[in-house]
């Protein structure tokens, strides 16, 4: 049964295969602002080295800490990998709070499923599993966004209880309850 876990060196081989799949579909270019793309650009030529991969997973785990994340210009974020055994299926980022950019475009949660694992319900399962974790961080609801033309992601968000808020540029914005009813924040 797949599960969300902290980044680990245990899945290095499968992770590298997944990153090759992302690159084959065009991810990692300068025009791709996703976490996957940024990390492909930074690490793709070095991930194969066990020491570098261990350093990378430790860095991802350290980004949950306020001091570490803020020093690098980020908000604290839990990066979780969705794995089944030693097979890397995808990743999810749970940002502990929103800055202006995240409020407009990025949201609290972002996720990616490797191309060969898509259309199997993994994104819905990942987002659903992340909602109690968001609640544990004190978030009554989370903002989740997707590109307006990304129908599969829109369906994932809606199936997890997402309520459409608005469209800002190319992004659709949804608020997803984490278990407690609250009013939607406005800026």
Protein backbone atom coordinates (compact mmCIF):
# COMPACT_ATOMS: atom_id res chain seq x y z
CA UNK A 1 0.00 0.00 0.00
CA UNK A 2 1.54 3.36 -1.00
CA UNK A 3 2.27 5.88 1.73
CA UNK A 4 3.66 9.36 2.27
CA UNK A 5 7.09 9.29 3.88
CA UNK A 6 9.95 11.69 4.51
CA UNK A 7 12.56 11.71 1.72
CA UNK A 8 14.89 8.74 2.08
CA UNK A 9 17.93 7.30 0.33
CA UNK A 10 16.18 3.92 0.28
CA UNK A 11 14.31 4.80 -2.93
CA UNK A 12 17.23 6.40 -4.80
CA UNK A 13 17.13 4.08 -7.83
CA UNK A 14 13.40 4.49 -8.36
CA UNK A 15 13.60 8.24 -7.69
CA UNK A 16 16.24 8.61 -10.41
CA UNK A 17 14.02 6.70 -12.85
CA UNK A 18 11.10 8.99 -11.99
CA UNK A 19 13.20 12.13 -12.53
CA UNK A 20 14.25 10.74 -15.94
CA UNK A 21 10.55 10.33 -16.75
CA UNK A 22 9.85 13.94 -15.75
CA UNK A 23 12.75 15.15 -17.88
CA UNK A 24 11.54 13.08 -20.84
CA UNK A 25 8.21 14.92 -20.72
CA UNK A 26 10.01 18.27 -20.73
CA UNK A 27 10.21 19.09 -17.02
CA UNK A 28 13.24 20.90 -15.67
CA UNK A 29 13.47 23.72 -18.17
CA UNK A 30 14.03 27.33 -17.15
CA UNK A 31 10.36 28.12 -17.80
CA UNK A 32 9.22 25.43 -15.32
CA UNK A 33 8.94 26.94 -11.83
CA UNK A 34 7.91 23.76 -10.04
CA UNK A 35 9.90 22.22 -7.20
CA UNK A 36 10.59 19.17 -9.37
CA UNK A 37 12.05 21.39 -12.10
CA UNK A 38 14.17 23.45 -9.70
CA UNK A 39 15.61 20.31 -8.18
CA UNK A 40 16.23 18.71 -11.59
CA UNK A 41 18.18 21.81 -12.59
CA UNK A 42 20.17 21.78 -9.34
CA UNK A 43 20.83 18.06 -8.90
CA UNK A 44 20.20 16.02 -12.06
CA UNK A 45 23.87 15.64 -12.93
CA UNK A 46 24.80 14.70 -9.32
CA UNK A 47 21.89 12.67 -7.85
CA UNK A 48 23.44 9.38 -8.93
CA UNK A 49 26.21 9.77 -6.30
CA UNK A 50 24.99 8.22 -3.03
CA UNK A 51 26.57 10.95 -0.89
CA UNK A 52 24.95 13.72 -2.92
CA UNK A 53 21.58 11.98 -2.82
CA UNK A 54 21.87 11.61 0.97
CA UNK A 55 22.73 15.31 1.22
CA UNK A 56 19.72 16.15 -0.98
CA UNK A 57 17.26 14.13 1.12
CA UNK A 58 18.66 15.67 4.32
CA UNK A 59 18.24 19.14 2.81
CA UNK A 60 14.59 18.40 1.92
CA UNK A 61 13.92 17.19 5.47
CA UNK A 62 15.59 20.31 6.92
CA UNK A 63 13.21 22.61 5.03
CA UNK A 64 10.51 21.85 7.59
CA UNK A 65 12.44 24.06 10.02
CA UNK A 66 11.54 27.75 10.13
CA UNK A 67 15.11 28.99 10.47
CA UNK A 68 16.44 26.89 7.57
CA UNK A 69 13.61 27.64 5.14
CA UNK A 70 13.43 31.38 5.84
CA UNK A 71 17.20 31.78 5.48
CA UNK A 72 16.86 30.42 1.93
CA UNK A 73 13.86 32.61 1.08
CA UNK A 74 11.20 29.89 1.44
CA UNK A 75 8.40 29.17 3.87
CA UNK A 76 8.75 25.98 5.93
CA UNK A 77 7.58 22.99 3.92
CA UNK A 78 7.16 19.28 4.54
CA UNK A 79 8.31 17.48 1.41
CA UNK A 80 6.84 14.00 1.42
CA UNK A 81 7.44 11.22 -1.05
CA UNK A 82 4.69 8.84 -2.04
CA UNK A 83 6.21 5.37 -2.19
CA UNK A 84 5.20 1.76 -2.38
CA UNK A 85 8.00 -0.34 -0.95
CA UNK A 86 11.12 0.98 -2.66
CA UNK A 87 9.21 2.47 -5.59
CA UNK A 88 8.95 6.25 -5.77
CA UNK A 89 5.54 7.23 -7.13
CA UNK A 90 5.43 10.97 -6.50
CA UNK A 91 5.98 13.86 -4.17
CA UNK A 92 3.93 16.35 -2.22
CA UNK A 93 4.96 19.64 -0.68
CA UNK A 94 2.96 20.91 2.31
CA UNK A 95 3.82 24.54 2.98
CA UNK A 96 3.16 25.58 6.57
CA UNK A 97 1.93 29.04 5.61
CA UNK A 98 1.44 31.27 2.58
CA UNK A 99 3.52 34.19 1.42
CA UNK A 100 2.16 36.59 -1.21
CA UNK A 101 3.28 34.42 -4.15
CA UNK A 102 1.88 31.23 -2.65
CA UNK A 103 -1.42 32.97 -1.85
CA UNK A 104 -1.76 34.06 -5.47
CA UNK A 105 -0.38 31.04 -7.33
CA UNK A 106 1.31 28.23 -5.43
CA UNK A 107 -0.96 27.39 -2.52
CA UNK A 108 -0.23 25.33 0.58
CA UNK A 109 0.08 22.02 -1.25
CA UNK A 110 1.71 21.05 -4.51
CA UNK A 111 2.08 17.52 -5.84
CA UNK A 112 3.56 15.59 -8.75
CA UNK A 113 3.05 11.97 -9.75
CA UNK A 114 5.69 10.34 -11.94
CA UNK A 115 4.42 9.87 -15.49
CA UNK A 116 4.32 6.05 -15.42
CA UNK A 117 2.23 6.07 -12.21
CA UNK A 118 -0.47 8.51 -13.34
CA UNK A 119 -4.18 7.78 -13.69
CA UNK A 120 -4.17 5.31 -10.80
CA UNK A 121 -5.54 7.56 -8.05
CA UNK A 122 -2.17 8.39 -6.51
CA UNK A 123 -2.59 12.18 -6.61
CA UNK A 124 -5.99 11.95 -4.93
CA UNK A 125 -4.59 9.59 -2.28
CA UNK A 126 -1.60 11.87 -1.64
CA UNK A 127 -3.71 14.99 -1.28
CA UNK A 128 -6.19 13.18 0.94
CA UNK A 129 -3.40 11.85 3.15
CA UNK A 130 -1.85 15.31 3.46
CA UNK A 131 -5.01 16.99 4.80
CA UNK A 132 -4.68 15.59 8.36
CA UNK A 133 -1.01 16.62 8.32
CA UNK A 134 -2.05 20.15 7.35
CA UNK A 135 -4.56 20.13 10.20
CA UNK A 136 -1.75 19.07 12.57
CA UNK A 137 0.11 22.22 11.46
CA UNK A 138 -2.91 24.26 12.54
CA UNK A 139 -4.35 24.78 9.06
CA UNK A 140 -8.15 24.51 9.00
CA UNK A 141 -8.13 24.67 5.21
CA UNK A 142 -5.47 24.71 2.55
CA UNK A 143 -5.17 26.55 -0.71
CA UNK A 144 -4.47 24.21 -3.62
CA UNK A 145 -3.99 25.56 -7.12
CA UNK A 146 -3.72 24.07 -10.58
CA UNK A 147 -3.32 25.29 -14.12
CA UNK A 148 -6.67 26.10 -15.69
CA UNK A 149 -6.07 23.53 -18.44
CA UNK A 150 -5.05 20.74 -16.03
CA UNK A 151 -8.35 18.86 -15.82
CA UNK A 152 -6.93 15.82 -13.97
CA UNK A 153 -5.51 18.01 -11.19
CA UNK A 154 -8.76 19.95 -10.95
CA UNK A 155 -10.62 16.65 -10.48
CA UNK A 156 -8.15 15.58 -7.78
CA UNK A 157 -8.69 18.80 -5.84
CA UNK A 158 -12.46 18.65 -6.16
CA UNK A 159 -12.59 14.98 -5.14
CA UNK A 160 -10.75 15.91 -1.93
CA UNK A 161 -13.37 18.54 -1.07
CA UNK A 162 -11.85 21.54 -2.82
CA UNK A 163 -14.16 24.49 -3.23
CA UNK A 164 -13.40 26.74 -6.19
CA UNK A 165 -12.46 30.28 -5.14
CA UNK A 166 -11.30 32.07 -8.28
CA UNK A 167 -8.98 32.16 -11.27
CA UNK A 168 -5.86 34.29 -11.18
CA UNK A 169 -4.08 34.31 -14.50
CA UNK A 170 -3.55 30.72 -15.59
CA UNK A 171 -4.21 29.34 -12.09
CA UNK A 172 -7.44 28.05 -10.58
CA UNK A 173 -7.57 28.43 -6.80
CA UNK A 174 -9.40 26.06 -4.46
CA UNK A 175 -9.79 25.92 -0.68
CA UNK A 176 -9.78 22.41 0.73
CA UNK A 177 -10.99 21.83 4.31
CA UNK A 178 -8.69 19.82 6.53
CA UNK A 179 -11.43 18.76 8.91
CA UNK A 180 -12.66 21.87 10.72
CA UNK A 181 -15.10 24.39 9.24
CA UNK A 182 -13.71 27.92 8.95
CA UNK A 183 -14.13 31.08 6.92
CA UNK A 184 -11.96 31.49 3.84
CA UNK A 185 -9.13 34.03 4.29
CA UNK A 186 -9.08 37.04 1.97
CA UNK A 187 -6.27 39.33 0.93
